[in-house]
Amino acid sequence: MTAPTSRDAARPGLVPHGWLLDRISLYVKRPAESIDPGVPLAEYGLDSVCALGLCGDLEEEFGLAVEPTLLWDHPTLERLTARLVELPDALRGRP
């Protein structure tokens, strides 16, 4: 199980940007501060195996049932964060 970061506080049901950045940095084996939010994550080495792992992390930690193509449809940290904010409540396990 992953632990949310204290880097930023989240509203209930939302994925904190800091948590997402920390998870991506683990998968690509780079310091979080070296990841530019506007650069495609594939350029840092995020591959399909990592993308599937991150989708599983999102479901486990936040109850988000996301498509495995999420990171290819939203290839930067900036776009991924924006998309996760837009997800309907139904995907967050809330009525």
PDB file of N, CA and C in Angstrom:
ATOM      1  N   MET A   1       0.842  -1.177   0.000  1.00  0.00           N
ATOM      2  CA  MET A   1       0.000   0.000   0.000  1.00  0.00           C
ATOM      3  C   MET A   1       0.885   1.237   0.000  1.00  0.00           C
ATOM      4  N   THR A   2       0.471   2.239  -0.764  1.00  0.00           N
ATOM      5  CA  THR A   2       1.258   3.459  -0.843  1.00  0.00           C
ATOM      6  C   THR A   2       0.741   4.485   0.157  1.00  0.00           C
ATOM      7  N   ALA A   3       1.611   5.366   0.557  1.00  0.00           N
ATOM      8  CA  ALA A   3       1.225   6.405   1.505  1.00  0.00           C
ATOM      9  C   ALA A   3       1.170   7.744   0.795  1.00  0.00           C
ATOM     10  N   PRO A   4       0.129   8.536   1.036  1.00  0.00           N
ATOM     11  CA  PRO A   4       0.067   9.850   0.426  1.00  0.00           C
ATOM     12  C   PRO A   4       1.193  10.729   0.953  1.00  0.00           C
ATOM     13  N   THR A   5       1.611  11.617   0.115  1.00  0.00           N
ATOM     14  CA  THR A   5       2.667  12.546   0.507  1.00  0.00           C
ATOM     15  C   THR A   5       2.073  13.693   1.311  1.00  0.00           C
ATOM     16  N   SER A   6       2.884  14.310   2.125  1.00  0.00           N
ATOM     17  CA  SER A   6       2.413  15.481   2.863  1.00  0.00           C
ATOM     18  C   SER A   6       2.747  16.755   2.105  1.00  0.00           C
ATOM     19  N   ARG A   7       3.283  16.602   0.875  1.00  0.00           N
ATOM     20  CA  ARG A   7       3.702  17.763   0.093  1.00  0.00           C
ATOM     21  C   ARG A   7       2.552  18.734  -0.150  1.00  0.00           C
ATOM     22  N   ASP A   8       1.355  18.216  -0.346  1.00  0.00           N
ATOM     23  CA  ASP A   8       0.211  19.112  -0.476  1.00  0.00           C
ATOM     24  C   ASP A   8      -1.039  18.415   0.025  1.00  0.00           C
ATOM     25  N   ALA A   9      -1.943  19.204   0.544  1.00  0.00           N
ATOM     26  CA  ALA A   9      -3.195  18.664   1.072  1.00  0.00           C
ATOM     27  C   ALA A   9      -4.175  18.512  -0.080  1.00  0.00           C
ATOM     28  N   ALA A  10      -4.976  17.471  -0.015  1.00  0.00           N
ATOM     29  CA  ALA A  10      -5.945  17.227  -1.077  1.00  0.00           C
ATOM     30  C   ALA A  10      -7.351  17.382  -0.545  1.00  0.00           C
ATOM     31  N   ARG A  11      -8.227  17.800  -1.452  1.00  0.00           N
ATOM     32  CA  ARG A  11      -9.631  17.750  -1.125  1.00  0.00           C
ATOM     33  C   ARG A  11     -10.051  16.292  -1.169  1.00  0.00           C
ATOM     34  N   PRO A  12     -11.053  15.904  -0.409  1.00  0.00           N
ATOM     35  CA  PRO A  12     -11.468  14.505  -0.405  1.00  0.00           C
ATOM     36  C   PRO A  12     -11.746  13.998  -1.816  1.00  0.00           C
ATOM     37  N   GLY A  13     -11.214  12.819  -2.136  1.00  0.00           N
ATOM     38  CA  GLY A  13     -11.462  12.203  -3.424  1.00  0.00           C
ATOM     39  C   GLY A  13     -10.514  12.629  -4.521  1.00  0.00           C
ATOM     40  N   LEU A  14      -9.706  13.627  -4.291  1.00  0.00           N
ATOM     41  CA  LEU A  14      -8.788  14.085  -5.326  1.00  0.00           C
ATOM     42  C   LEU A  14      -7.391  13.538  -5.083  1.00  0.00           C
ATOM     43  N   VAL A  15      -6.692  13.283  -6.171  1.00  0.00           N
ATOM     44  CA  VAL A  15      -5.327  12.788  -6.073  1.00  0.00           C
ATOM     45  C   VAL A  15      -4.395  13.978  -5.886  1.00  0.00           C
ATOM     46  N   PRO A  16      -3.648  14.012  -4.796  1.00  0.00           N
ATOM     47  CA  PRO A  16      -2.718  15.120  -4.583  1.00  0.00           C
ATOM     48  C   PRO A  16      -1.612  15.108  -5.641  1.00  0.00           C
ATOM     49  N   HIS A  17      -1.288  16.267  -6.162  1.00  0.00           N
ATOM     50  CA  HIS A  17      -0.228  16.400  -7.161  1.00  0.00           C
ATOM     51  C   HIS A  17       1.084  15.824  -6.624  1.00  0.00           C
ATOM     52  N   GLY A  18       1.398  16.102  -5.381  1.00  0.00           N
ATOM     53  CA  GLY A  18       2.639  15.608  -4.788  1.00  0.00           C
ATOM     54  C   GLY A  18       2.686  14.093  -4.716  1.00  0.00           C
ATOM     55  N   TRP A  19       1.564  13.463  -4.397  1.00  0.00           N
ATOM     56  CA  TRP A  19       1.516  12.003  -4.361  1.00  0.00           C
ATOM     57  C   TRP A  19       1.799  11.445  -5.743  1.00  0.00           C
ATOM     58  N   LEU A  20       1.152  12.021  -6.746  1.00  0.00           N
ATOM     59  CA  LEU A  20       1.323  11.566  -8.114  1.00  0.00           C
ATOM     60  C   LEU A  20       2.772  11.751  -8.571  1.00  0.00           C
ATOM     61  N   LEU A  21       3.346  12.890  -8.281  1.00  0.00           N
ATOM     62  CA  LEU A  21       4.739  13.151  -8.632  1.00  0.00           C
ATOM     63  C   LEU A  21       5.675  12.151  -7.941  1.00  0.00           C
ATOM     64  N   ASP A  22       5.438  11.889  -6.673  1.00  0.00           N
ATOM     65  CA  ASP A  22       6.266  10.929  -5.937  1.00  0.00           C
ATOM     66  C   ASP A  22       6.166   9.526  -6.529  1.00  0.00           C
ATOM     67  N   ARG A  23       4.964   9.101  -6.901  1.00  0.00           N
ATOM     68  CA  ARG A  23       4.783   7.766  -7.493  1.00  0.00           C
ATOM     69  C   ARG A  23       5.495   7.677  -8.837  1.00  0.00           C
ATOM     70  N   ILE A  24       5.337   8.699  -9.653  1.00  0.00           N
ATOM     71  CA  ILE A  24       5.992   8.690 -10.966  1.00  0.00           C
ATOM     72  C   ILE A  24       7.503   8.675 -10.792  1.00  0.00           C
ATOM     73  N   SER A  25       8.009   9.437  -9.844  1.00  0.00           N
ATOM     74  CA  SER A  25       9.463   9.470  -9.635  1.00  0.00           C
ATOM     75  C   SER A  25       9.977   8.093  -9.216  1.00  0.00           C
ATOM     76  N   LEU A  26       9.186   7.346  -8.451  1.00  0.00           N
ATOM     77  CA  LEU A  26       9.576   5.983  -8.084  1.00  0.00           C
ATOM     78  C   LEU A  26       9.639   5.072  -9.308  1.00  0.00           C
ATOM     79  N   TYR A  27       8.647   5.184 -10.165  1.00  0.00           N
ATOM     80  CA  TYR A  27       8.601   4.329 -11.350  1.00  0.00           C
ATOM     81  C   TYR A  27       9.722   4.642 -12.339  1.00  0.00           C
ATOM     82  N   VAL A  28      10.052   5.907 -12.503  1.00  0.00           N
ATOM     83  CA  VAL A  28      11.088   6.265 -13.486  1.00  0.00           C
ATOM     84  C   VAL A  28      12.470   6.385 -12.853  1.00  0.00           C
ATOM     85  N   LYS A  29      12.534   6.156 -11.533  1.00  0.00           N
ATOM     86  CA  LYS A  29      13.806   6.173 -10.794  1.00  0.00           C
ATOM     87  C   LYS A  29      14.570   7.486 -10.989  1.00  0.00           C
ATOM     88  N   ARG A  30      13.841   8.578 -10.777  1.00  0.00           N
ATOM     89  CA  ARG A  30      14.425   9.922 -10.857  1.00  0.00           C
ATOM     90  C   ARG A  30      13.926  10.720  -9.668  1.00  0.00           C
ATOM     91  N   PRO A  31      14.709  11.703  -9.218  1.00  0.00           N
ATOM     92  CA  PRO A  31      14.213  12.569  -8.147  1.00  0.00           C
ATOM     93  C   PRO A  31      12.975  13.341  -8.625  1.00  0.00           C
ATOM     94  N   ALA A  32      12.009  13.471  -7.748  1.00  0.00           N
ATOM     95  CA  ALA A  32      10.763  14.162  -8.104  1.00  0.00           C
ATOM     96  C   ALA A  32      11.023  15.570  -8.629  1.00  0.00           C
ATOM     97  N   GLU A  33      12.003  16.255  -8.029  1.00  0.00           N
ATOM     98  CA  GLU A  33      12.268  17.637  -8.449  1.00  0.00           C
ATOM     99  C   GLU A  33      12.878  17.726  -9.845  1.00  0.00           C
ATOM    100  N   SER A  34      13.309  16.609 -10.410  1.00  0.00           N
ATOM    101  CA  SER A  34      13.878  16.626 -11.763  1.00  0.00           C
ATOM    102  C   SER A  34      12.822  16.384 -12.838  1.00  0.00           C
ATOM    103  N   ILE A  35      11.590  16.139 -12.435  1.00  0.00           N
ATOM    104  CA  ILE A  35      10.516  15.864 -13.391  1.00  0.00           C
ATOM    105  C   ILE A  35       9.771  17.152 -13.713  1.00  0.00           C
ATOM    106  N   ASP A  36       9.835  17.542 -14.971  1.00  0.00           N
ATOM    107  CA  ASP A  36       9.141  18.738 -15.459  1.00  0.00           C
ATOM    108  C   ASP A  36       7.698  18.348 -15.762  1.00  0.00           C
ATOM    109  N   PRO A  37       6.714  19.035 -15.176  1.00  0.00           N
ATOM    110  CA  PRO A  37       5.313  18.644 -15.371  1.00  0.00           C
ATOM    111  C   PRO A  37       4.830  18.750 -16.812  1.00  0.00           C
ATOM    112  N   GLY A  38       5.535  19.489 -17.663  1.00  0.00           N
ATOM    113  CA  GLY A  38       5.114  19.645 -19.052  1.00  0.00           C
ATOM    114  C   GLY A  38       5.801  18.702 -20.031  1.00  0.00           C
ATOM    115  N   VAL A  39       6.725  17.874 -19.557  1.00  0.00           N
ATOM    116  CA  VAL A  39       7.457  16.946 -20.418  1.00  0.00           C
ATOM    117  C   VAL A  39       6.743  15.599 -20.419  1.00  0.00           C
ATOM    118  N   PRO A  40       6.574  14.993 -21.606  1.00  0.00           N
ATOM    119  CA  PRO A  40       5.935  13.671 -21.646  1.00  0.00           C
ATOM    120  C   PRO A  40       6.666  12.675 -20.742  1.00  0.00           C
ATOM    121  N   LEU A  41       5.889  11.945 -19.967  1.00  0.00           N
ATOM    122  CA  LEU A  41       6.462  11.009 -19.004  1.00  0.00           C
ATOM    123  C   LEU A  41       7.246   9.888 -19.683  1.00  0.00           C
ATOM    124  N   ALA A  42       6.908   9.572 -20.921  1.00  0.00           N
ATOM    125  CA  ALA A  42       7.658   8.556 -21.664  1.00  0.00           C
ATOM    126  C   ALA A  42       9.116   8.989 -21.849  1.00  0.00           C
ATOM    127  N   GLU A  43       9.364  10.291 -21.922  1.00  0.00           N
ATOM    128  CA  GLU A  43      10.733  10.780 -22.062  1.00  0.00           C
ATOM    129  C   GLU A  43      11.565  10.513 -20.803  1.00  0.00           C
ATOM    130  N   TYR A  44      10.909  10.286 -19.697  1.00  0.00           N
ATOM    131  CA  TYR A  44      11.607   9.937 -18.453  1.00  0.00           C
ATOM    132  C   TYR A  44      11.720   8.429 -18.283  1.00  0.00           C
ATOM    133  N   GLY A  45      11.163   7.684 -19.225  1.00  0.00           N
ATOM    134  CA  GLY A  45      11.254   6.229 -19.163  1.00  0.00           C
ATOM    135  C   GLY A  45       9.999   5.531 -18.665  1.00  0.00           C
ATOM    136  N   LEU A  46       8.902   6.263 -18.502  1.00  0.00           N
ATOM    137  CA  LEU A  46       7.657   5.631 -18.063  1.00  0.00           C
ATOM    138  C   LEU A  46       7.136   4.772 -19.208  1.00  0.00           C
ATOM    139  N   ASP A  47       7.065   3.472 -18.986  1.00  0.00           N
ATOM    140  CA  ASP A  47       6.609   2.551 -20.025  1.00  0.00           C
ATOM    141  C   ASP A  47       5.241   1.981 -19.650  1.00  0.00           C
ATOM    142  N   SER A  48       4.756   1.058 -20.474  1.00  0.00           N
ATOM    143  CA  SER A  48       3.417   0.515 -20.252  1.00  0.00           C
ATOM    144  C   SER A  48       3.309  -0.266 -18.946  1.00  0.00           C
ATOM    145  N   VAL A  49       4.373  -0.927 -18.540  1.00  0.00           N
ATOM    146  CA  VAL A  49       4.352  -1.669 -17.272  1.00  0.00           C
ATOM    147  C   VAL A  49       4.196  -0.691 -16.104  1.00  0.00           C
ATOM    148  N   CYS A  50       4.949   0.399 -16.154  1.00  0.00           N
ATOM    149  CA  CYS A  50       4.847   1.426 -15.108  1.00  0.00           C
ATOM    150  C   CYS A  50       3.470   2.077 -15.119  1.00  0.00           C
ATOM    151  N   ALA A  51       2.951   2.329 -16.323  1.00  0.00           N
ATOM    152  CA  ALA A  51       1.631   2.961 -16.444  1.00  0.00           C
ATOM    153  C   ALA A  51       0.555   2.082 -15.813  1.00  0.00           C
ATOM    154  N   LEU A  52       0.622   0.787 -16.059  1.00  0.00           N
ATOM    155  CA  LEU A  52      -0.348  -0.134 -15.443  1.00  0.00           C
ATOM    156  C   LEU A  52      -0.192  -0.157 -13.925  1.00  0.00           C
ATOM    157  N   GLY A  53       1.044  -0.127 -13.465  1.00  0.00           N
ATOM    158  CA  GLY A  53       1.292  -0.085 -12.025  1.00  0.00           C
ATOM    159  C   GLY A  53       0.705   1.162 -11.395  1.00  0.00           C
ATOM    160  N   LEU A  54       0.890   2.293 -12.066  1.00  0.00           N
ATOM    161  CA  LEU A  54       0.353   3.545 -11.545  1.00  0.00           C
ATOM    162  C   LEU A  54      -1.171   3.524 -11.522  1.00  0.00           C
ATOM    163  N   CYS A  55      -1.781   2.943 -12.548  1.00  0.00           N
ATOM    164  CA  CYS A  55      -3.249   2.817 -12.548  1.00  0.00           C
ATOM    165  C   CYS A  55      -3.706   1.975 -11.359  1.00  0.00           C
ATOM    166  N   GLY A  56      -2.979   0.910 -11.073  1.00  0.00           N
ATOM    167  CA  GLY A  56      -3.298   0.082  -9.908  1.00  0.00           C
ATOM    168  C   GLY A  56      -3.118   0.841  -8.607  1.00  0.00           C
ATOM    169  N   ASP A  57      -2.072   1.660  -8.542  1.00  0.00           N
ATOM    170  CA  ASP A  57      -1.843   2.484  -7.347  1.00  0.00           C
ATOM    171  C   ASP A  57      -2.989   3.466  -7.134  1.00  0.00           C
ATOM    172  N   LEU A  58      -3.461   4.069  -8.218  1.00  0.00           N
ATOM    173  CA  LEU A  58      -4.572   5.027  -8.125  1.00  0.00           C
ATOM    174  C   LEU A  58      -5.838   4.348  -7.622  1.00  0.00           C
ATOM    175  N   GLU A  59      -6.071   3.139  -8.085  1.00  0.00           N
ATOM    176  CA  GLU A  59      -7.254   2.416  -7.630  1.00  0.00           C
ATOM    177  C   GLU A  59      -7.118   2.018  -6.163  1.00  0.00           C
ATOM    178  N   GLU A  60      -5.951   1.520  -5.798  1.00  0.00           N
ATOM    179  CA  GLU A  60      -5.731   1.077  -4.419  1.00  0.00           C
ATOM    180  C   GLU A  60      -5.781   2.233  -3.430  1.00  0.00           C
ATOM    181  N   GLU A  61      -5.122   3.325  -3.769  1.00  0.00           N
ATOM    182  CA  GLU A  61      -4.986   4.438  -2.825  1.00  0.00           C
ATOM    183  C   GLU A  61      -6.206   5.352  -2.783  1.00  0.00           C
ATOM    184  N   PHE A  62      -6.832   5.590  -3.958  1.00  0.00           N
ATOM    185  CA  PHE A  62      -7.902   6.581  -4.036  1.00  0.00           C
ATOM    186  C   PHE A  62      -9.238   6.020  -4.521  1.00  0.00           C
ATOM    187  N   GLY A  63      -9.287   4.719  -4.823  1.00  0.00           N
ATOM    188  CA  GLY A  63     -10.526   4.119  -5.304  1.00  0.00           C
ATOM    189  C   GLY A  63     -10.887   4.532  -6.714  1.00  0.00           C
ATOM    190  N   LEU A  64      -9.901   4.992  -7.503  1.00  0.00           N
ATOM    191  CA  LEU A  64     -10.163   5.419  -8.874  1.00  0.00           C
ATOM    192  C   LEU A  64     -10.021   4.250  -9.832  1.00  0.00           C
ATOM    193  N   ALA A  65     -11.074   3.936 -10.549  1.00  0.00           N
ATOM    194  CA  ALA A  65     -11.023   2.898 -11.572  1.00  0.00           C
ATOM    195  C   ALA A  65     -10.748   3.597 -12.895  1.00  0.00           C
ATOM    196  N   VAL A  66      -9.476   3.643 -13.290  1.00  0.00           N
ATOM    197  CA  VAL A  66      -9.086   4.347 -14.514  1.00  0.00           C
ATOM    198  C   VAL A  66      -8.667   3.362 -15.591  1.00  0.00           C
ATOM    199  N   GLU A  67      -8.813   3.780 -16.829  1.00  0.00           N
ATOM    200  CA  GLU A  67      -8.411   2.965 -17.968  1.00  0.00           C
ATOM    201  C   GLU A  67      -6.889   2.851 -18.011  1.00  0.00           C
ATOM    202  N   PRO A  68      -6.373   1.720 -18.474  1.00  0.00           N
ATOM    203  CA  PRO A  68      -4.920   1.563 -18.578  1.00  0.00           C
ATOM    204  C   PRO A  68      -4.281   2.536 -19.568  1.00  0.00           C
ATOM    205  N   THR A  69      -5.082   3.116 -20.444  1.00  0.00           N
ATOM    206  CA  THR A  69      -4.559   4.069 -21.430  1.00  0.00           C
ATOM    207  C   THR A  69      -4.464   5.496 -20.879  1.00  0.00           C
ATOM    208  N   LEU A  70      -4.812   5.683 -19.625  1.00  0.00           N
ATOM    209  CA  LEU A  70      -4.844   7.019 -19.025  1.00  0.00           C
ATOM    210  C   LEU A  70      -3.557   7.808 -19.270  1.00  0.00           C
ATOM    211  N   LEU A  71      -2.413   7.184 -19.044  1.00  0.00           N
ATOM    212  CA  LEU A  71      -1.150   7.899 -19.180  1.00  0.00           C
ATOM    213  C   LEU A  71      -0.761   8.151 -20.625  1.00  0.00           C
ATOM    214  N   TRP A  72      -1.295   7.393 -21.546  1.00  0.00           N
ATOM    215  CA  TRP A  72      -0.998   7.656 -22.961  1.00  0.00           C
ATOM    216  C   TRP A  72      -1.925   8.740 -23.479  1.00  0.00           C
ATOM    217  N   ASP A  73      -3.132   8.802 -22.972  1.00  0.00           N
ATOM    218  CA  ASP A  73      -4.067   9.861 -23.359  1.00  0.00           C
ATOM    219  C   ASP A  73      -3.702  11.200 -22.725  1.00  0.00           C
ATOM    220  N   HIS A  74      -3.041  11.162 -21.580  1.00  0.00           N
ATOM    221  CA  HIS A  74      -2.647  12.358 -20.823  1.00  0.00           C
ATOM    222  C   HIS A  74      -1.170  12.183 -20.449  1.00  0.00           C
ATOM    223  N   PRO A  75      -0.274  12.429 -21.410  1.00  0.00           N
ATOM    224  CA  PRO A  75       1.121  11.997 -21.287  1.00  0.00           C
ATOM    225  C   PRO A  75       2.049  12.809 -20.386  1.00  0.00           C
ATOM    226  N   THR A  76       1.608  13.938 -19.881  1.00  0.00           N
ATOM    227  CA  THR A  76       2.471  14.721 -18.997  1.00  0.00           C
ATOM    228  C   THR A  76       1.875  14.749 -17.595  1.00  0.00           C
ATOM    229  N   LEU A  77       2.688  15.038 -16.617  1.00  0.00           N
ATOM    230  CA  LEU A  77       2.200  15.157 -15.243  1.00  0.00           C
ATOM    231  C   LEU A  77       1.133  16.243 -15.159  1.00  0.00           C
ATOM    232  N   GLU A  78       1.346  17.317 -15.867  1.00  0.00           N
ATOM    233  CA  GLU A  78       0.401  18.438 -15.891  1.00  0.00           C
ATOM    234  C   GLU A  78      -0.962  17.992 -16.426  1.00  0.00           C
ATOM    235  N   ARG A  79      -0.971  17.311 -17.561  1.00  0.00           N
ATOM    236  CA  ARG A  79      -2.233  16.866 -18.161  1.00  0.00           C
ATOM    237  C   ARG A  79      -2.869  15.742 -17.357  1.00  0.00           C
ATOM    238  N   LEU A  80      -2.053  14.867 -16.810  1.00  0.00           N
ATOM    239  CA  LEU A  80      -2.572  13.765 -16.002  1.00  0.00           C
ATOM    240  C   LEU A  80      -3.258  14.297 -14.750  1.00  0.00           C
ATOM    241  N   THR A  81      -2.620  15.232 -14.078  1.00  0.00           N
ATOM    242  CA  THR A  81      -3.210  15.834 -12.877  1.00  0.00           C
ATOM    243  C   THR A  81      -4.532  16.510 -13.221  1.00  0.00           C
ATOM    244  N   ALA A  82      -4.559  17.263 -14.322  1.00  0.00           N
ATOM    245  CA  ALA A  82      -5.788  17.948 -14.734  1.00  0.00           C
ATOM    246  C   ALA A  82      -6.899  16.947 -15.017  1.00  0.00           C
ATOM    247  N   ARG A  83      -6.575  15.839 -15.654  1.00  0.00           N
ATOM    248  CA  ARG A  83      -7.586  14.826 -15.962  1.00  0.00           C
ATOM    249  C   ARG A  83      -8.122  14.167 -14.695  1.00  0.00           C
ATOM    250  N   LEU A  84      -7.257  13.880 -13.757  1.00  0.00           N
ATOM    251  CA  LEU A  84      -7.704  13.238 -12.522  1.00  0.00           C
ATOM    252  C   LEU A  84      -8.640  14.146 -11.727  1.00  0.00           C
ATOM    253  N   VAL A  85      -8.451  15.441 -11.823  1.00  0.00           N
ATOM    254  CA  VAL A  85      -9.340  16.387 -11.149  1.00  0.00           C
ATOM    255  C   VAL A  85     -10.719  16.367 -11.797  1.00  0.00           C
ATOM    256  N   GLU A  86     -10.757  16.116 -13.107  1.00  0.00           N
ATOM    257  CA  GLU A  86     -12.018  16.140 -13.862  1.00  0.00           C
ATOM    258  C   GLU A  86     -12.841  14.858 -13.724  1.00  0.00           C
ATOM    259  N   LEU A  87     -12.262  13.788 -13.219  1.00  0.00           N
ATOM    260  CA  LEU A  87     -12.973  12.513 -13.171  1.00  0.00           C
ATOM    261  C   LEU A  87     -14.280  12.632 -12.408  1.00  0.00           C
ATOM    262  N   PRO A  88     -15.313  11.997 -12.924  1.00  0.00           N
ATOM    263  CA  PRO A  88     -16.604  12.048 -12.223  1.00  0.00           C
ATOM    264  C   PRO A  88     -16.542  11.300 -10.890  1.00  0.00           C
ATOM    265  N   ASP A  89     -17.410  11.718  -9.995  1.00  0.00           N
ATOM    266  CA  ASP A  89     -17.475  11.103  -8.676  1.00  0.00           C
ATOM    267  C   ASP A  89     -17.689   9.594  -8.734  1.00  0.00           C
ATOM    268  N   ALA A  90     -18.373   9.118  -9.771  1.00  0.00           N
ATOM    269  CA  ALA A  90     -18.649   7.685  -9.896  1.00  0.00           C
ATOM    270  C   ALA A  90     -17.348   6.892  -9.977  1.00  0.00           C
ATOM    271  N   LEU A  91     -16.314   7.453 -10.570  1.00  0.00           N
ATOM    272  CA  LEU A  91     -15.038   6.757 -10.656  1.00  0.00           C
ATOM    273  C   LEU A  91     -14.271   6.810  -9.345  1.00  0.00           C
ATOM    274  N   ARG A  92     -14.681   7.678  -8.459  1.00  0.00           N
ATOM    275  CA  ARG A  92     -13.999   7.832  -7.167  1.00  0.00           C
ATOM    276  C   ARG A  92     -14.659   6.975  -6.097  1.00  0.00           C
ATOM    277  N   GLY A  93     -15.573   6.131  -6.481  1.00  0.00           N
ATOM    278  CA  GLY A  93     -16.213   5.261  -5.502  1.00  0.00           C
ATOM    279  C   GLY A  93     -17.218   5.979  -4.633  1.00  0.00           C
ATOM    280  N   ARG A  94     -17.693   7.129  -5.106  1.00  0.00           N
ATOM    281  CA  ARG A  94     -18.707   7.874  -4.359  1.00  0.00           C
ATOM    282  C   ARG A  94     -20.005   7.858  -5.152  1.00  0.00           C
ATOM    283  N   PRO A  95     -21.139   7.890  -4.488  1.00  0.00           N
ATOM    284  CA  PRO A  95     -22.441   7.888  -5.194  1.00  0.00           C
ATOM    285  C   PRO A  95     -22.680   9.172  -5.940  1.00  0.00           C
TER     286      PRO A  95
END
